[in-house]
Amino acid sequence: MTYFIVLGNQLNDDASLSRKGLKRCEITKKAFEIFHPDKIILSGGVANPTAGISEAEALFRHLTGEGMEPDLFLIEDRSTSTTENAEFSLKLAEEYGADEVVVISTIEHFGRVFPKNAVQCFREVAERFPSIHLTIYTEDY
């Protein structure tokens, strides 16, 4: 079973998605047409308390508002770092029987150097989940 993990980004104060969050939704919709995942895990807790909702909830509202089926999604709304995104989301994917996980984010999230980029975080955590094959997906913008 193939699962996506979509990484959130800090919300604007009015709980709207940031430019990066919107781009991650756009990438998710395009990747959906390529990979046809069984489920999509939306990952991200409350990084901006003023917004009042988690990044995962904001992603869910946007993607379902764009016509994606609500039953497609699982919400991981406890993470407060990329490492926690990886830990909590991969555990959830494993619990639901995923054997292929496609991590989706924007290019700068995968390419940053300090403290770690998303690729490093997910590869390190994925070592604890040997039954899951990990793929990284983004597109330039």
C-alpha atoms as a PDB file:
ATOM      1  CA  MET A   1       0.000   0.000   0.000  1.00  0.00           C
ATOM      2  CA  THR A   2       1.272   3.428  -0.939  1.00  0.00           C
ATOM      3  CA  TYR A   3       0.886   6.362   1.433  1.00  0.00           C
ATOM      4  CA  PHE A   4       1.821  10.000   1.036  1.00  0.00           C
ATOM      5  CA  ILE A   5       3.148  12.082   3.892  1.00  0.00           C
ATOM      6  CA  VAL A   6       2.590  15.779   3.197  1.00  0.00           C
ATOM      7  CA  LEU A   7       4.645  18.109   5.366  1.00  0.00           C
ATOM      8  CA  GLY A   8       3.002  21.225   6.745  1.00  0.00           C
ATOM      9  CA  ASN A   9       4.419  24.711   7.049  1.00  0.00           C
ATOM     10  CA  GLN A  10       3.754  27.370   9.668  1.00  0.00           C
ATOM     11  CA  LEU A  11       0.342  28.949   9.086  1.00  0.00           C
ATOM     12  CA  ASN A  12      -0.410  32.622   8.735  1.00  0.00           C
ATOM     13  CA  ASP A  13      -1.991  34.287  11.784  1.00  0.00           C
ATOM     14  CA  ASP A  14      -5.458  34.029  10.184  1.00  0.00           C
ATOM     15  CA  ALA A  15      -5.006  30.206   9.913  1.00  0.00           C
ATOM     16  CA  SER A  16      -4.528  30.362   6.151  1.00  0.00           C
ATOM     17  CA  LEU A  17      -1.785  28.376   4.461  1.00  0.00           C
ATOM     18  CA  SER A  18       1.511  30.075   3.748  1.00  0.00           C
ATOM     19  CA  ARG A  19       2.832  30.294   0.192  1.00  0.00           C
ATOM     20  CA  LYS A  20       4.885  27.155   0.902  1.00  0.00           C
ATOM     21  CA  GLY A  21       1.838  25.378   2.328  1.00  0.00           C
ATOM     22  CA  LEU A  22      -0.172  26.200  -0.778  1.00  0.00           C
ATOM     23  CA  LYS A  23       2.672  24.947  -2.986  1.00  0.00           C
ATOM     24  CA  ARG A  24       2.798  21.678  -1.013  1.00  0.00           C
ATOM     25  CA  CYS A  25      -0.918  21.229  -1.693  1.00  0.00           C
ATOM     26  CA  GLU A  26      -0.347  21.849  -5.397  1.00  0.00           C
ATOM     27  CA  ILE A  27       2.479  19.283  -5.457  1.00  0.00           C
ATOM     28  CA  THR A  28       0.254  16.799  -3.576  1.00  0.00           C
ATOM     29  CA  LYS A  29      -2.525  17.068  -6.138  1.00  0.00           C
ATOM     30  CA  LYS A  30      -0.087  16.542  -9.016  1.00  0.00           C
ATOM     31  CA  ALA A  31       1.633  13.627  -7.263  1.00  0.00           C
ATOM     32  CA  PHE A  32      -1.762  12.063  -6.554  1.00  0.00           C
ATOM     33  CA  GLU A  33      -2.289  11.703 -10.300  1.00  0.00           C
ATOM     34  CA  ILE A  34       1.083   9.962 -10.660  1.00  0.00           C
ATOM     35  CA  PHE A  35       1.203   7.632  -7.641  1.00  0.00           C
ATOM     36  CA  HIS A  36      -2.494   7.063  -6.788  1.00  0.00           C
ATOM     37  CA  PRO A  37      -1.832   6.561  -3.056  1.00  0.00           C
ATOM     38  CA  ASP A  38      -4.116   4.544  -0.799  1.00  0.00           C
ATOM     39  CA  LYS A  39      -3.986   7.240   1.893  1.00  0.00           C
ATOM     40  CA  ILE A  40      -2.451  10.655   2.485  1.00  0.00           C
ATOM     41  CA  ILE A  41      -1.077  11.560   5.898  1.00  0.00           C
ATOM     42  CA  LEU A  42      -1.145  15.308   6.493  1.00  0.00           C
ATOM     43  CA  SER A  43       1.560  16.104   9.008  1.00  0.00           C
ATOM     44  CA  GLY A  44       2.015  19.190  11.159  1.00  0.00           C
ATOM     45  CA  GLY A  45       1.018  20.420  14.585  1.00  0.00           C
ATOM     46  CA  VAL A  46       0.342  23.916  15.875  1.00  0.00           C
ATOM     47  CA  ALA A  47       3.456  25.956  15.062  1.00  0.00           C
ATOM     48  CA  ASN A  48       1.582  29.272  15.161  1.00  0.00           C
ATOM     49  CA  PRO A  49      -0.666  29.435  18.252  1.00  0.00           C
ATOM     50  CA  THR A  50      -2.329  32.617  16.906  1.00  0.00           C
ATOM     51  CA  ALA A  51      -3.724  30.585  13.994  1.00  0.00           C
ATOM     52  CA  GLY A  52      -5.584  28.297  16.395  1.00  0.00           C
ATOM     53  CA  ILE A  53      -5.404  25.145  14.245  1.00  0.00           C
ATOM     54  CA  SER A  54      -2.763  22.647  13.231  1.00  0.00           C
ATOM     55  CA  GLU A  55      -0.931  22.722   9.934  1.00  0.00           C
ATOM     56  CA  ALA A  56      -2.418  19.295   9.164  1.00  0.00           C
ATOM     57  CA  GLU A  57      -5.958  20.604   9.659  1.00  0.00           C
ATOM     58  CA  ALA A  58      -5.280  23.589   7.382  1.00  0.00           C
ATOM     59  CA  LEU A  59      -3.886  21.254   4.690  1.00  0.00           C
ATOM     60  CA  PHE A  60      -6.967  19.044   5.055  1.00  0.00           C
ATOM     61  CA  ARG A  61      -9.372  21.976   4.705  1.00  0.00           C
ATOM     62  CA  HIS A  62      -7.579  23.236   1.623  1.00  0.00           C
ATOM     63  CA  LEU A  63      -7.241  19.894  -0.173  1.00  0.00           C
ATOM     64  CA  THR A  64     -10.822  18.823   0.509  1.00  0.00           C
ATOM     65  CA  GLY A  65     -11.938  22.304  -0.537  1.00  0.00           C
ATOM     66  CA  GLU A  66     -10.160  21.629  -3.834  1.00  0.00           C
ATOM     67  CA  GLY A  67     -12.260  18.492  -4.330  1.00  0.00           C
ATOM     68  CA  MET A  68     -10.122  15.718  -2.838  1.00  0.00           C
ATOM     69  CA  GLU A  69     -12.120  13.106  -0.912  1.00  0.00           C
ATOM     70  CA  PRO A  70     -11.996  13.525   2.899  1.00  0.00           C
ATOM     71  CA  ASP A  71     -11.737   9.742   3.439  1.00  0.00           C
ATOM     72  CA  LEU A  72      -8.379   9.767   1.669  1.00  0.00           C
ATOM     73  CA  PHE A  73      -6.696  11.600   4.551  1.00  0.00           C
ATOM     74  CA  LEU A  74      -5.207  10.767   7.928  1.00  0.00           C
ATOM     75  CA  ILE A  75      -4.276  13.657  10.224  1.00  0.00           C
ATOM     76  CA  GLU A  76      -1.020  13.770  12.203  1.00  0.00           C
ATOM     77  CA  ASP A  77      -1.304  16.958  14.228  1.00  0.00           C
ATOM     78  CA  ARG A  78       1.173  16.501  17.091  1.00  0.00           C
ATOM     79  CA  SER A  79       4.490  17.153  15.357  1.00  0.00           C
ATOM     80  CA  THR A  80       6.387  20.377  15.982  1.00  0.00           C
ATOM     81  CA  SER A  81       9.525  19.607  13.943  1.00  0.00           C
ATOM     82  CA  THR A  82      10.480  17.769  10.781  1.00  0.00           C
ATOM     83  CA  THR A  83      11.937  14.924  12.832  1.00  0.00           C
ATOM     84  CA  GLU A  84       8.608  14.577  14.655  1.00  0.00           C
ATOM     85  CA  ASN A  85       6.800  14.724  11.284  1.00  0.00           C
ATOM     86  CA  ALA A  86       8.879  11.691  10.308  1.00  0.00           C
ATOM     87  CA  GLU A  87       8.493   9.821  13.609  1.00  0.00           C
ATOM     88  CA  PHE A  88       4.745  10.268  14.027  1.00  0.00           C
ATOM     89  CA  SER A  89       3.815   9.932  10.361  1.00  0.00           C
ATOM     90  CA  LEU A  90       5.923   6.850   9.609  1.00  0.00           C
ATOM     91  CA  LYS A  91       4.530   5.160  12.730  1.00  0.00           C
ATOM     92  CA  LEU A  92       1.000   5.951  11.544  1.00  0.00           C
ATOM     93  CA  ALA A  93       1.793   4.666   8.054  1.00  0.00           C
ATOM     94  CA  GLU A  94       3.189   1.438   9.498  1.00  0.00           C
ATOM     95  CA  GLU A  95       0.124   0.971  11.718  1.00  0.00           C
ATOM     96  CA  TYR A  96      -2.100   1.223   8.646  1.00  0.00           C
ATOM     97  CA  GLY A  97      -0.013  -1.270   6.646  1.00  0.00           C
ATOM     98  CA  ALA A  98       1.885   1.012   4.266  1.00  0.00           C
ATOM     99  CA  ASP A  99       4.883  -0.513   2.527  1.00  0.00           C
ATOM    100  CA  GLU A 100       5.627   2.468   0.254  1.00  0.00           C
ATOM    101  CA  VAL A 101       5.730   6.029   1.578  1.00  0.00           C
ATOM    102  CA  VAL A 102       6.144   9.094  -0.609  1.00  0.00           C
ATOM    103  CA  VAL A 103       7.191  12.181   1.361  1.00  0.00           C
ATOM    104  CA  ILE A 104       5.955  15.410  -0.216  1.00  0.00           C
ATOM    105  CA  SER A 105       7.270  18.887   0.451  1.00  0.00           C
ATOM    106  CA  THR A 106       8.711  21.892  -1.329  1.00  0.00           C
ATOM    107  CA  ILE A 107      12.263  21.917  -2.641  1.00  0.00           C
ATOM    108  CA  GLU A 108      13.681  24.264   0.017  1.00  0.00           C
ATOM    109  CA  HIS A 109      12.519  21.898   2.764  1.00  0.00           C
ATOM    110  CA  PHE A 110      14.529  19.073   1.232  1.00  0.00           C
ATOM    111  CA  GLY A 111      17.531  21.223   0.389  1.00  0.00           C
ATOM    112  CA  ARG A 112      18.118  23.260   3.534  1.00  0.00           C
ATOM    113  CA  VAL A 113      21.283  22.580   5.482  1.00  0.00           C
ATOM    114  CA  PHE A 114      20.646  23.626   9.092  1.00  0.00           C
ATOM    115  CA  PRO A 115      19.747  21.916  11.338  1.00  0.00           C
ATOM    116  CA  LYS A 116      18.747  19.016   9.050  1.00  0.00           C
ATOM    117  CA  ASN A 117      16.744  18.862   5.897  1.00  0.00           C
ATOM    118  CA  ALA A 118      13.607  16.779   5.510  1.00  0.00           C
ATOM    119  CA  VAL A 119      15.423  14.072   3.550  1.00  0.00           C
ATOM    120  CA  GLN A 120      17.939  13.543   6.365  1.00  0.00           C
ATOM    121  CA  CYS A 121      15.199  13.514   9.015  1.00  0.00           C
ATOM    122  CA  PHE A 122      13.063  10.981   7.175  1.00  0.00           C
ATOM    123  CA  ARG A 123      15.951   8.705   6.205  1.00  0.00           C
ATOM    124  CA  GLU A 124      17.198   8.576   9.805  1.00  0.00           C
ATOM    125  CA  VAL A 125      13.749   7.799  11.208  1.00  0.00           C
ATOM    126  CA  ALA A 126      12.911   5.354   8.387  1.00  0.00           C
ATOM    127  CA  GLU A 127      15.717   3.073   9.566  1.00  0.00           C
ATOM    128  CA  ARG A 128      13.357   2.086  12.410  1.00  0.00           C
ATOM    129  CA  PHE A 129      10.704   1.068   9.859  1.00  0.00           C
ATOM    130  CA  PRO A 130      12.451  -1.483   7.606  1.00  0.00           C
ATOM    131  CA  SER A 131       9.191  -2.677   6.043  1.00  0.00           C
ATOM    132  CA  ILE A 132       8.607   0.753   4.485  1.00  0.00           C
ATOM    133  CA  HIS A 133      10.256   1.872   1.248  1.00  0.00           C
ATOM    134  CA  LEU A 134      10.765   5.647   1.311  1.00  0.00           C
ATOM    135  CA  THR A 135      10.540   7.972  -1.704  1.00  0.00           C
ATOM    136  CA  ILE A 136      10.995  11.759  -1.689  1.00  0.00           C
ATOM    137  CA  TYR A 137       8.871  13.825  -4.069  1.00  0.00           C
ATOM    138  CA  THR A 138       8.898  17.522  -4.931  1.00  0.00           C
ATOM    139  CA  GLU A 139       9.065  19.761  -7.927  1.00  0.00           C
ATOM    140  CA  ASP A 140      10.936  22.971  -8.600  1.00  0.00           C
ATOM    141  CA  TYR A 141       9.026  26.217  -8.472  1.00  0.00           C
END
